[in-house]
Amino acid sequence: MRMDRATETFVAHRNLLFTVAYEMLGSAADAEDVLQETWLKWAGVDLGTVRDQRAYLVQITTRQALTRLRTLRRRKEAYIGPWLPEPLLTAPDVAEDVELADSVSMAMLLVLETLTPTERAVFVLREVFELDYEEIAGAVGKTPAAVRQIAHRARGHVAARRPRGVVSAAETRGALAAFQRAVETGDMQDLFDLLAPDVVFLGDGGGVVQAVLSPVVGADRVARLLAVGLSRLAAAASLQPAQVNGYPALIVRFGGEIDTVLAMRIDDGLVTGLYAVRNPEKLSHMDHETALRR
C-alpha cells in the first residue's frame, strides 16, 4: 500500500529526527518517545501551509524534546550514582562523518549535559544540523537575536569543556586494544601508561547493578579500580570491539549477555575519561545498529 504524503515525508526524515532528539536527551528510549509525539503532531498538519517540511519536522521534534528534557532533569536528580548517556551501536558511516561522530560521542553528550535545555537545543541545531537562526527561533520560542546570543554563549561553554582536539578512531582503538591486552594477559602497564593524571572513571549502574556511586578521579585511583575490575573480567568475560556512538568501544559480555559498554575520552594521546555503562535498561539498543543522520 502506498504511503500518504505525510507518512512518506516523516519516514524520509526519521533518522535525522531521531538524531536531533537523541543529541538533546542522551537517551534512545526517550528519543523514540519524542518521535512518536512528533508523528502525532505532524499527522495533523496541513502540508499545504508548510514551506520547508524538514525544518518544520525538526522544529516539532525540538519542542517535544525540550519538554521531555526538563522532565528528565528532574529524574536525573534522583538517579543513583553517575548518569551516563544510553550507548548506541552505530554504523560505520557515522564514524566517517567526523562532525556527527564527535557530536554523539559519550564525551560530547556529557558536555552537553552541562548546558541549560534551551542552550543545548540551540547548540545542537546550529552547530550540528546547521539550521539558521530564524528556524531555531521557531523551535525554541525565542527571537532570532536572542538565539544568536544563546548560540554564542553555548559555543563558548562547550569549547571550554570538549575534548581538546578531534580524536582519531585509531587513537581510541589503540587505547582500547591496550585495555583488552591487559584483561587477556594480566599485564596492565601499557594501559596504565595511557591514563592521564586527571583521568575520570564514571560507572552507570542506575541502582540496578553494581557500579561506582561517584566519579573516581586520578590515575592512581582509577588504576587501582581497574586492577580489581580486570581480575574479575579475566575470569569469565569476553570483550568485543564495536562502534559505539561513532567511536571504537568495548562490549563486555558474561555468558554471552552484554554486561558493560566501555567508552573512552582521549585528549592529547592520553585517556582522560572512562565511561562504563552497566544499567541494563540502557543496553537495549546495543543488539542492533542505530542509523544516525545530519
C-alpha atoms as a PDB file:
ATOM      1  CA  MET A   1       0.000   0.000   0.000  1.00  0.00           C
ATOM      2  CA  ARG A   2       1.371   3.399  -0.987  1.00  0.00           C
ATOM      3  CA  MET A   3       2.232   5.718   1.924  1.00  0.00           C
ATOM      4  CA  ASP A   4       0.422   9.032   2.084  1.00  0.00           C
ATOM      5  CA  ARG A   5       2.477  12.199   1.667  1.00  0.00           C
ATOM      6  CA  ALA A   6       2.751  12.993   5.401  1.00  0.00           C
ATOM      7  CA  THR A   7       3.947   9.480   6.255  1.00  0.00           C
ATOM      8  CA  GLU A   8       6.390   9.430   3.347  1.00  0.00           C
ATOM      9  CA  THR A   9       7.964  12.720   4.458  1.00  0.00           C
ATOM     10  CA  PHE A  10       8.196  11.618   8.091  1.00  0.00           C
ATOM     11  CA  VAL A  11       9.824   8.299   7.156  1.00  0.00           C
ATOM     12  CA  ALA A  12      12.303  10.086   4.871  1.00  0.00           C
ATOM     13  CA  HIS A  13      13.477  12.290   7.769  1.00  0.00           C
ATOM     14  CA  ARG A  14      13.049   9.820  10.632  1.00  0.00           C
ATOM     15  CA  ASN A  15      16.756   9.090  11.182  1.00  0.00           C
ATOM     16  CA  LEU A  16      17.541  12.811  11.220  1.00  0.00           C
ATOM     17  CA  LEU A  17      14.748  13.486  13.743  1.00  0.00           C
ATOM     18  CA  PHE A  18      15.912  10.629  15.968  1.00  0.00           C
ATOM     19  CA  THR A  19      19.440  12.069  15.919  1.00  0.00           C
ATOM     20  CA  VAL A  20      18.169  15.522  16.929  1.00  0.00           C
ATOM     21  CA  ALA A  21      16.160  14.058  19.814  1.00  0.00           C
ATOM     22  CA  TYR A  22      18.967  11.757  20.941  1.00  0.00           C
ATOM     23  CA  GLU A  23      21.563  14.556  20.968  1.00  0.00           C
ATOM     24  CA  MET A  24      19.230  16.644  23.086  1.00  0.00           C
ATOM     25  CA  LEU A  25      18.293  13.859  25.506  1.00  0.00           C
ATOM     26  CA  GLY A  26      21.153  11.340  25.577  1.00  0.00           C
ATOM     27  CA  SER A  27      18.531   8.610  25.742  1.00  0.00           C
ATOM     28  CA  ALA A  28      17.448   6.449  22.820  1.00  0.00           C
ATOM     29  CA  ALA A  29      14.284   5.337  24.619  1.00  0.00           C
ATOM     30  CA  ASP A  30      13.201   8.924  25.225  1.00  0.00           C
ATOM     31  CA  ALA A  31      14.189   9.894  21.679  1.00  0.00           C
ATOM     32  CA  GLU A  32      11.869   7.180  20.350  1.00  0.00           C
ATOM     33  CA  ASP A  33       9.039   8.549  22.504  1.00  0.00           C
ATOM     34  CA  VAL A  34       9.711  12.040  21.134  1.00  0.00           C
ATOM     35  CA  LEU A  35       9.441  10.679  17.589  1.00  0.00           C
ATOM     36  CA  GLN A  36       6.034   9.179  18.405  1.00  0.00           C
ATOM     37  CA  GLU A  37       4.896  12.561  19.738  1.00  0.00           C
ATOM     38  CA  THR A  38       6.337  14.294  16.661  1.00  0.00           C
ATOM     39  CA  TRP A  39       4.436  11.973  14.344  1.00  0.00           C
ATOM     40  CA  LEU A  40       1.140  12.651  16.133  1.00  0.00           C
ATOM     41  CA  LYS A  41       1.675  16.414  15.759  1.00  0.00           C
ATOM     42  CA  TRP A  42       2.838  16.078  12.139  1.00  0.00           C
ATOM     43  CA  ALA A  43      -0.129  13.919  11.131  1.00  0.00           C
ATOM     44  CA  GLY A  44      -2.454  16.821  11.968  1.00  0.00           C
ATOM     45  CA  VAL A  45      -0.580  19.464   9.968  1.00  0.00           C
ATOM     46  CA  ASP A  46      -1.942  20.908   6.722  1.00  0.00           C
ATOM     47  CA  LEU A  47       1.059  20.242   4.467  1.00  0.00           C
ATOM     48  CA  GLY A  48      -0.047  22.934   2.059  1.00  0.00           C
ATOM     49  CA  THR A  49       0.924  25.537   4.661  1.00  0.00           C
ATOM     50  CA  VAL A  50       4.446  24.145   5.243  1.00  0.00           C
ATOM     51  CA  ARG A  51       7.217  25.802   3.232  1.00  0.00           C
ATOM     52  CA  ASP A  52      10.152  23.643   4.429  1.00  0.00           C
ATOM     53  CA  GLN A  53       8.985  20.245   5.658  1.00  0.00           C
ATOM     54  CA  ARG A  54      12.393  19.161   7.010  1.00  0.00           C
ATOM     55  CA  ALA A  55      12.772  22.328   9.089  1.00  0.00           C
ATOM     56  CA  TYR A  56       9.170  22.073  10.298  1.00  0.00           C
ATOM     57  CA  LEU A  57       9.661  18.480  11.452  1.00  0.00           C
ATOM     58  CA  VAL A  58      12.888  19.430  13.220  1.00  0.00           C
ATOM     59  CA  GLN A  59      11.031  22.242  14.992  1.00  0.00           C
ATOM     60  CA  ILE A  60       8.297  19.877  16.227  1.00  0.00           C
ATOM     61  CA  THR A  61      10.904  17.351  17.386  1.00  0.00           C
ATOM     62  CA  THR A  62      12.883  20.042  19.190  1.00  0.00           C
ATOM     63  CA  ARG A  63       9.819  21.357  21.052  1.00  0.00           C
ATOM     64  CA  GLN A  64       8.867  17.837  22.168  1.00  0.00           C
ATOM     65  CA  ALA A  65      12.451  17.064  23.183  1.00  0.00           C
ATOM     66  CA  LEU A  66      12.712  20.301  25.193  1.00  0.00           C
ATOM     67  CA  THR A  67       9.598  19.397  27.167  1.00  0.00           C
ATOM     68  CA  ARG A  68      10.958  15.922  27.858  1.00  0.00           C
ATOM     69  CA  LEU A  69      14.453  17.228  28.664  1.00  0.00           C
ATOM     70  CA  ARG A  70      13.082  19.313  31.529  1.00  0.00           C
ATOM     71  CA  THR A  71      11.328  16.220  32.910  1.00  0.00           C
ATOM     72  CA  LEU A  72      14.500  14.166  32.503  1.00  0.00           C
ATOM     73  CA  ARG A  73      16.483  16.713  34.510  1.00  0.00           C
ATOM     74  CA  ARG A  74      14.230  16.112  37.499  1.00  0.00           C
ATOM     75  CA  ARG A  75      14.545  12.356  37.022  1.00  0.00           C
ATOM     76  CA  LYS A  76      18.350  12.575  36.878  1.00  0.00           C
ATOM     77  CA  GLU A  77      18.422  14.399  40.209  1.00  0.00           C
ATOM     78  CA  ALA A  78      17.065  11.218  41.836  1.00  0.00           C
ATOM     79  CA  TYR A  79      19.294   8.882  39.789  1.00  0.00           C
ATOM     80  CA  ILE A  80      21.503   6.535  41.824  1.00  0.00           C
ATOM     81  CA  GLY A  81      25.169   7.156  41.012  1.00  0.00           C
ATOM     82  CA  PRO A  82      26.549   8.898  37.906  1.00  0.00           C
ATOM     83  CA  TRP A  83      24.210   9.229  34.919  1.00  0.00           C
ATOM     84  CA  LEU A  84      25.689   8.332  31.529  1.00  0.00           C
ATOM     85  CA  PRO A  85      24.082   8.596  28.079  1.00  0.00           C
ATOM     86  CA  GLU A  86      22.473   5.500  26.614  1.00  0.00           C
ATOM     87  CA  PRO A  87      25.050   3.914  24.265  1.00  0.00           C
ATOM     88  CA  LEU A  88      24.169   3.195  20.644  1.00  0.00           C
ATOM     89  CA  LEU A  89      25.702   0.624  18.331  1.00  0.00           C
ATOM     90  CA  THR A  90      26.364   2.797  15.288  1.00  0.00           C
ATOM     91  CA  ALA A  91      27.016   2.014  11.632  1.00  0.00           C
ATOM     92  CA  PRO A  92      30.439   2.699  10.027  1.00  0.00           C
ATOM     93  CA  ASP A  93      29.052   5.684   8.096  1.00  0.00           C
ATOM     94  CA  VAL A  94      28.560   7.568  11.372  1.00  0.00           C
ATOM     95  CA  ALA A  95      32.290   7.317  12.116  1.00  0.00           C
ATOM     96  CA  GLU A  96      33.051   8.573   8.596  1.00  0.00           C
ATOM     97  CA  ASP A  97      31.159  11.813   9.316  1.00  0.00           C
ATOM     98  CA  VAL A  98      33.666  13.277  11.788  1.00  0.00           C
ATOM     99  CA  GLU A  99      31.395  16.096  12.977  1.00  0.00           C
ATOM    100  CA  LEU A 100      28.432  13.767  13.513  1.00  0.00           C
ATOM    101  CA  ALA A 101      30.584  11.208  15.357  1.00  0.00           C
ATOM    102  CA  ASP A 102      32.002  13.938  17.594  1.00  0.00           C
ATOM    103  CA  SER A 103      28.524  15.297  18.370  1.00  0.00           C
ATOM    104  CA  VAL A 104      27.149  11.906  19.537  1.00  0.00           C
ATOM    105  CA  SER A 105      30.286  10.712  21.343  1.00  0.00           C
ATOM    106  CA  MET A 106      29.950   9.907  25.052  1.00  0.00           C
ATOM    107  CA  ALA A 107      32.370  12.721  25.856  1.00  0.00           C
ATOM    108  CA  MET A 108      30.376  15.334  23.921  1.00  0.00           C
ATOM    109  CA  LEU A 109      26.988  14.184  25.233  1.00  0.00           C
ATOM    110  CA  LEU A 110      28.338  14.630  28.761  1.00  0.00           C
ATOM    111  CA  VAL A 111      29.492  18.139  27.868  1.00  0.00           C
ATOM    112  CA  LEU A 112      26.009  18.901  26.509  1.00  0.00           C
ATOM    113  CA  GLU A 113      24.574  17.818  29.870  1.00  0.00           C
ATOM    114  CA  THR A 114      26.163  20.940  31.388  1.00  0.00           C
ATOM    115  CA  LEU A 115      24.072  23.274  29.205  1.00  0.00           C
ATOM    116  CA  THR A 116      20.583  24.513  30.006  1.00  0.00           C
ATOM    117  CA  PRO A 117      17.831  22.831  27.931  1.00  0.00           C
ATOM    118  CA  THR A 118      17.474  25.865  25.636  1.00  0.00           C
ATOM    119  CA  GLU A 119      21.255  26.236  25.229  1.00  0.00           C
ATOM    120  CA  ARG A 120      21.507  22.554  24.352  1.00  0.00           C
ATOM    121  CA  ALA A 121      18.765  22.784  21.746  1.00  0.00           C
ATOM    122  CA  VAL A 122      20.278  25.884  20.150  1.00  0.00           C
ATOM    123  CA  PHE A 123      23.793  24.418  20.136  1.00  0.00           C
ATOM    124  CA  VAL A 124      22.672  21.122  18.592  1.00  0.00           C
ATOM    125  CA  LEU A 125      20.507  22.733  15.911  1.00  0.00           C
ATOM    126  CA  ARG A 126      23.098  25.363  14.978  1.00  0.00           C
ATOM    127  CA  GLU A 127      26.434  23.566  15.323  1.00  0.00           C
ATOM    128  CA  VAL A 128      25.443  20.026  14.313  1.00  0.00           C
ATOM    129  CA  PHE A 129      22.479  20.461  11.969  1.00  0.00           C
ATOM    130  CA  GLU A 130      23.344  23.948  10.679  1.00  0.00           C
ATOM    131  CA  LEU A 131      19.846  25.433  10.918  1.00  0.00           C
ATOM    132  CA  ASP A 132      19.639  29.188  10.539  1.00  0.00           C
ATOM    133  CA  TYR A 133      18.752  31.408  13.496  1.00  0.00           C
ATOM    134  CA  GLU A 134      15.196  32.044  12.257  1.00  0.00           C
ATOM    135  CA  GLU A 135      14.445  28.308  12.063  1.00  0.00           C
ATOM    136  CA  ILE A 136      15.916  27.715  15.533  1.00  0.00           C
ATOM    137  CA  ALA A 137      13.927  30.644  16.932  1.00  0.00           C
ATOM    138  CA  GLY A 138      10.720  28.938  15.831  1.00  0.00           C
ATOM    139  CA  ALA A 139      11.783  25.728  17.565  1.00  0.00           C
ATOM    140  CA  VAL A 140      12.769  27.205  20.943  1.00  0.00           C
ATOM    141  CA  GLY A 141      10.313  30.101  21.196  1.00  0.00           C
ATOM    142  CA  LYS A 142      12.918  32.884  21.148  1.00  0.00           C
ATOM    143  CA  THR A 143      13.690  35.760  18.784  1.00  0.00           C
ATOM    144  CA  PRO A 144      16.468  35.229  16.217  1.00  0.00           C
ATOM    145  CA  ALA A 145      18.565  37.855  18.036  1.00  0.00           C
ATOM    146  CA  ALA A 146      18.177  36.001  21.335  1.00  0.00           C
ATOM    147  CA  VAL A 147      19.030  32.702  19.639  1.00  0.00           C
ATOM    148  CA  ARG A 148      22.215  34.249  18.240  1.00  0.00           C
ATOM    149  CA  GLN A 149      23.275  35.264  21.772  1.00  0.00           C
ATOM    150  CA  ILE A 150      22.392  31.856  23.213  1.00  0.00           C
ATOM    151  CA  ALA A 151      24.368  30.147  20.438  1.00  0.00           C
ATOM    152  CA  HIS A 152      27.425  32.289  21.182  1.00  0.00           C
ATOM    153  CA  ARG A 153      27.202  31.544  24.913  1.00  0.00           C
ATOM    154  CA  ALA A 154      26.670  27.798  24.383  1.00  0.00           C
ATOM    155  CA  ARG A 155      29.516  27.608  21.860  1.00  0.00           C
ATOM    156  CA  GLY A 156      31.942  29.136  24.353  1.00  0.00           C
ATOM    157  CA  HIS A 157      30.730  26.864  27.149  1.00  0.00           C
ATOM    158  CA  VAL A 158      31.188  23.740  25.029  1.00  0.00           C
ATOM    159  CA  ALA A 159      34.567  24.856  23.646  1.00  0.00           C
ATOM    160  CA  ALA A 160      35.935  25.141  27.193  1.00  0.00           C
ATOM    161  CA  ARG A 161      34.865  21.591  28.074  1.00  0.00           C
ATOM    162  CA  ARG A 162      35.017  19.495  24.915  1.00  0.00           C
ATOM    163  CA  PRO A 163      37.981  17.225  24.038  1.00  0.00           C
ATOM    164  CA  ARG A 164      40.981  19.360  23.140  1.00  0.00           C
ATOM    165  CA  GLY A 165      41.068  18.187  19.560  1.00  0.00           C
ATOM    166  CA  VAL A 166      39.305  15.806  17.214  1.00  0.00           C
ATOM    167  CA  VAL A 167      40.360  12.356  18.382  1.00  0.00           C
ATOM    168  CA  SER A 168      41.126   9.870  15.644  1.00  0.00           C
ATOM    169  CA  ALA A 169      39.469   6.471  15.692  1.00  0.00           C
ATOM    170  CA  ALA A 170      42.980   4.970  15.572  1.00  0.00           C
ATOM    171  CA  GLU A 171      43.905   6.634  18.899  1.00  0.00           C
ATOM    172  CA  THR A 172      40.783   5.303  20.577  1.00  0.00           C
ATOM    173  CA  ARG A 173      41.294   1.831  19.096  1.00  0.00           C
ATOM    174  CA  GLY A 174      44.877   1.825  20.408  1.00  0.00           C
ATOM    175  CA  ALA A 175      43.751   2.645  23.948  1.00  0.00           C
ATOM    176  CA  LEU A 176      41.022   0.014  23.825  1.00  0.00           C
ATOM    177  CA  ALA A 177      43.478  -2.563  22.470  1.00  0.00           C
ATOM    178  CA  ALA A 178      45.720  -1.845  25.482  1.00  0.00           C
ATOM    179  CA  PHE A 179      42.739  -2.393  27.760  1.00  0.00           C
ATOM    180  CA  GLN A 180      41.893  -5.673  26.050  1.00  0.00           C
ATOM    181  CA  ARG A 181      45.523  -6.866  26.285  1.00  0.00           C
ATOM    182  CA  ALA A 182      45.545  -6.029  29.996  1.00  0.00           C
ATOM    183  CA  VAL A 183      42.483  -8.214  30.503  1.00  0.00           C
ATOM    184  CA  GLU A 184      43.827 -11.077  28.431  1.00  0.00           C
ATOM    185  CA  THR A 185      47.419 -11.072  29.724  1.00  0.00           C
ATOM    186  CA  GLY A 186      47.135  -9.530  33.176  1.00  0.00           C
ATOM    187  CA  ASP A 187      49.919  -7.074  32.270  1.00  0.00           C
ATOM    188  CA  MET A 188      48.395  -3.676  32.931  1.00  0.00           C
ATOM    189  CA  GLN A 189      51.450  -1.472  32.407  1.00  0.00           C
ATOM    190  CA  ASP A 190      50.575  -0.426  28.845  1.00  0.00           C
ATOM    191  CA  LEU A 191      47.079   0.504  29.989  1.00  0.00           C
ATOM    192  CA  PHE A 192      48.291   2.491  32.980  1.00  0.00           C
ATOM    193  CA  ASP A 193      50.777   4.339  30.772  1.00  0.00           C
ATOM    194  CA  LEU A 194      47.798   5.673  28.792  1.00  0.00           C
ATOM    195  CA  LEU A 195      45.975   7.174  31.797  1.00  0.00           C
ATOM    196  CA  ALA A 196      46.132  10.950  32.118  1.00  0.00           C
ATOM    197  CA  PRO A 197      46.962  12.252  35.620  1.00  0.00           C
ATOM    198  CA  ASP A 198      43.437  13.713  35.914  1.00  0.00           C
ATOM    199  CA  VAL A 199      41.574  10.766  34.312  1.00  0.00           C
ATOM    200  CA  VAL A 200      37.960  10.343  35.454  1.00  0.00           C
ATOM    201  CA  PHE A 201      36.126   6.997  35.645  1.00  0.00           C
ATOM    202  CA  LEU A 202      32.325   7.031  35.614  1.00  0.00           C
ATOM    203  CA  GLY A 203      30.191   3.938  36.084  1.00  0.00           C
ATOM    204  CA  ASP A 204      26.431   3.866  35.491  1.00  0.00           C
ATOM    205  CA  GLY A 205      24.533   1.028  37.139  1.00  0.00           C
ATOM    206  CA  GLY A 206      21.380   3.044  37.779  1.00  0.00           C
ATOM    207  CA  GLY A 207      20.979   1.388  41.172  1.00  0.00           C
ATOM    208  CA  VAL A 208      20.102  -1.840  39.338  1.00  0.00           C
ATOM    209  CA  VAL A 209      23.563  -3.414  39.097  1.00  0.00           C
ATOM    210  CA  GLN A 210      26.801  -2.730  40.965  1.00  0.00           C
ATOM    211  CA  ALA A 211      28.787   0.315  39.840  1.00  0.00           C
ATOM    212  CA  VAL A 212      30.834   3.077  41.445  1.00  0.00           C
ATOM    213  CA  LEU A 213      28.466   5.602  43.019  1.00  0.00           C
ATOM    214  CA  SER A 214      30.654   8.651  42.468  1.00  0.00           C
ATOM    215  CA  PRO A 215      33.327   9.641  39.942  1.00  0.00           C
ATOM    216  CA  VAL A 216      36.776   8.126  40.517  1.00  0.00           C
ATOM    217  CA  VAL A 217      39.406  10.773  39.737  1.00  0.00           C
ATOM    218  CA  GLY A 218      43.168  10.499  39.244  1.00  0.00           C
ATOM    219  CA  ALA A 219      45.440   7.959  37.571  1.00  0.00           C
ATOM    220  CA  ASP A 220      46.368   6.129  40.804  1.00  0.00           C
ATOM    221  CA  ARG A 221      42.774   5.711  41.987  1.00  0.00           C
ATOM    222  CA  VAL A 222      41.495   4.710  38.550  1.00  0.00           C
ATOM    223  CA  ALA A 223      44.389   2.268  38.142  1.00  0.00           C
ATOM    224  CA  ARG A 224      43.536   0.577  41.453  1.00  0.00           C
ATOM    225  CA  LEU A 225      39.876   0.360  40.452  1.00  0.00           C
ATOM    226  CA  LEU A 226      40.790  -1.125  37.075  1.00  0.00           C
ATOM    227  CA  ALA A 227      43.139  -3.665  38.678  1.00  0.00           C
ATOM    228  CA  VAL A 228      40.228  -5.033  40.726  1.00  0.00           C
ATOM    229  CA  GLY A 229      37.852  -4.948  37.774  1.00  0.00           C
ATOM    230  CA  LEU A 230      40.283  -6.584  35.365  1.00  0.00           C
ATOM    231  CA  SER A 231      40.778  -9.585  37.639  1.00  0.00           C
ATOM    232  CA  ARG A 232      37.002 -10.122  37.537  1.00  0.00           C
ATOM    233  CA  LEU A 233      36.899  -9.694  33.770  1.00  0.00           C
ATOM    234  CA  ALA A 234      39.792 -12.066  33.142  1.00  0.00           C
ATOM    235  CA  ALA A 235      37.954 -14.853  34.925  1.00  0.00           C
ATOM    236  CA  ALA A 236      34.825 -15.069  32.806  1.00  0.00           C
ATOM    237  CA  ALA A 237      34.275 -12.169  30.409  1.00  0.00           C
ATOM    238  CA  SER A 238      34.641 -11.816  26.678  1.00  0.00           C
ATOM    239  CA  LEU A 239      35.463  -8.430  25.151  1.00  0.00           C
ATOM    240  CA  GLN A 240      34.164  -7.385  21.749  1.00  0.00           C
ATOM    241  CA  PRO A 241      35.339  -4.233  19.934  1.00  0.00           C
ATOM    242  CA  ALA A 242      32.436  -2.275  18.446  1.00  0.00           C
ATOM    243  CA  GLN A 243      31.473   1.125  17.049  1.00  0.00           C
ATOM    244  CA  VAL A 244      29.544   2.879  19.803  1.00  0.00           C
ATOM    245  CA  ASN A 245      28.293   6.455  19.383  1.00  0.00           C
ATOM    246  CA  GLY A 246      30.556   6.880  16.381  1.00  0.00           C
ATOM    247  CA  TYR A 247      33.785   5.759  18.098  1.00  0.00           C
ATOM    248  CA  PRO A 248      35.501   2.472  18.921  1.00  0.00           C
ATOM    249  CA  ALA A 249      34.398   0.997  22.268  1.00  0.00           C
ATOM    250  CA  LEU A 250      34.367  -2.354  24.038  1.00  0.00           C
ATOM    251  CA  ILE A 251      31.349  -4.516  24.794  1.00  0.00           C
ATOM    252  CA  VAL A 252      31.906  -6.732  27.828  1.00  0.00           C
ATOM    253  CA  ARG A 253      29.881  -9.942  27.882  1.00  0.00           C
ATOM    254  CA  PHE A 254      29.336 -12.564  30.556  1.00  0.00           C
ATOM    255  CA  GLY A 255      27.780 -15.799  29.385  1.00  0.00           C
ATOM    256  CA  GLY A 256      27.048 -14.193  26.033  1.00  0.00           C
ATOM    257  CA  GLU A 257      24.955 -11.418  27.617  1.00  0.00           C
ATOM    258  CA  ILE A 258      26.028  -7.762  27.451  1.00  0.00           C
ATOM    259  CA  ASP A 259      27.223  -6.693  30.894  1.00  0.00           C
ATOM    260  CA  THR A 260      29.011  -3.390  30.231  1.00  0.00           C
ATOM    261  CA  VAL A 261      29.711  -0.965  27.416  1.00  0.00           C
ATOM    262  CA  LEU A 262      33.051   0.781  27.915  1.00  0.00           C
ATOM    263  CA  ALA A 263      33.774   4.032  26.067  1.00  0.00           C
ATOM    264  CA  MET A 264      36.741   6.378  26.378  1.00  0.00           C
ATOM    265  CA  ARG A 265      37.628  10.033  26.001  1.00  0.00           C
ATOM    266  CA  ILE A 266      41.153  10.787  24.811  1.00  0.00           C
ATOM    267  CA  ASP A 267      42.955  14.140  24.954  1.00  0.00           C
ATOM    268  CA  ASP A 268      46.488  14.633  23.643  1.00  0.00           C
ATOM    269  CA  GLY A 269      47.018  10.880  23.326  1.00  0.00           C
ATOM    270  CA  LEU A 270      46.014  10.041  26.915  1.00  0.00           C
ATOM    271  CA  VAL A 271      42.798   8.609  28.345  1.00  0.00           C
ATOM    272  CA  THR A 272      41.031  11.386  30.263  1.00  0.00           C
ATOM    273  CA  GLY A 273      37.631   9.720  30.586  1.00  0.00           C
ATOM    274  CA  LEU A 274      36.451   6.125  31.062  1.00  0.00           C
ATOM    275  CA  TYR A 275      32.693   5.552  30.835  1.00  0.00           C
ATOM    276  CA  ALA A 276      31.247   2.181  31.861  1.00  0.00           C
ATOM    277  CA  VAL A 277      27.509   1.819  31.198  1.00  0.00           C
ATOM    278  CA  ARG A 278      26.099  -1.157  33.111  1.00  0.00           C
ATOM    279  CA  ASN A 279      22.458  -0.209  33.703  1.00  0.00           C
ATOM    280  CA  PRO A 280      20.570  -2.982  31.821  1.00  0.00           C
ATOM    281  CA  GLU A 281      17.818  -0.530  30.879  1.00  0.00           C
ATOM    282  CA  LYS A 282      20.381   1.424  28.840  1.00  0.00           C
ATOM    283  CA  LEU A 283      21.789  -1.535  26.891  1.00  0.00           C
ATOM    284  CA  SER A 284      18.738  -2.476  24.809  1.00  0.00           C
ATOM    285  CA  HIS A 285      19.958  -0.561  21.729  1.00  0.00           C
ATOM    286  CA  MET A 286      23.236  -2.499  21.648  1.00  0.00           C
ATOM    287  CA  ASP A 287      21.779  -5.514  19.847  1.00  0.00           C
ATOM    288  CA  HIS A 288      21.234  -3.678  16.546  1.00  0.00           C
ATOM    289  CA  GLU A 289      22.776  -0.759  14.680  1.00  0.00           C
ATOM    290  CA  THR A 290      21.074   2.607  15.021  1.00  0.00           C
ATOM    291  CA  ALA A 291      21.064   4.836  11.940  1.00  0.00           C
ATOM    292  CA  LEU A 292      22.021   8.449  12.704  1.00  0.00           C
ATOM    293  CA  ARG A 293      21.844  11.288  10.166  1.00  0.00           C
ATOM    294  CA  ARG A 294      22.542  15.001   9.885  1.00  0.00           C
END
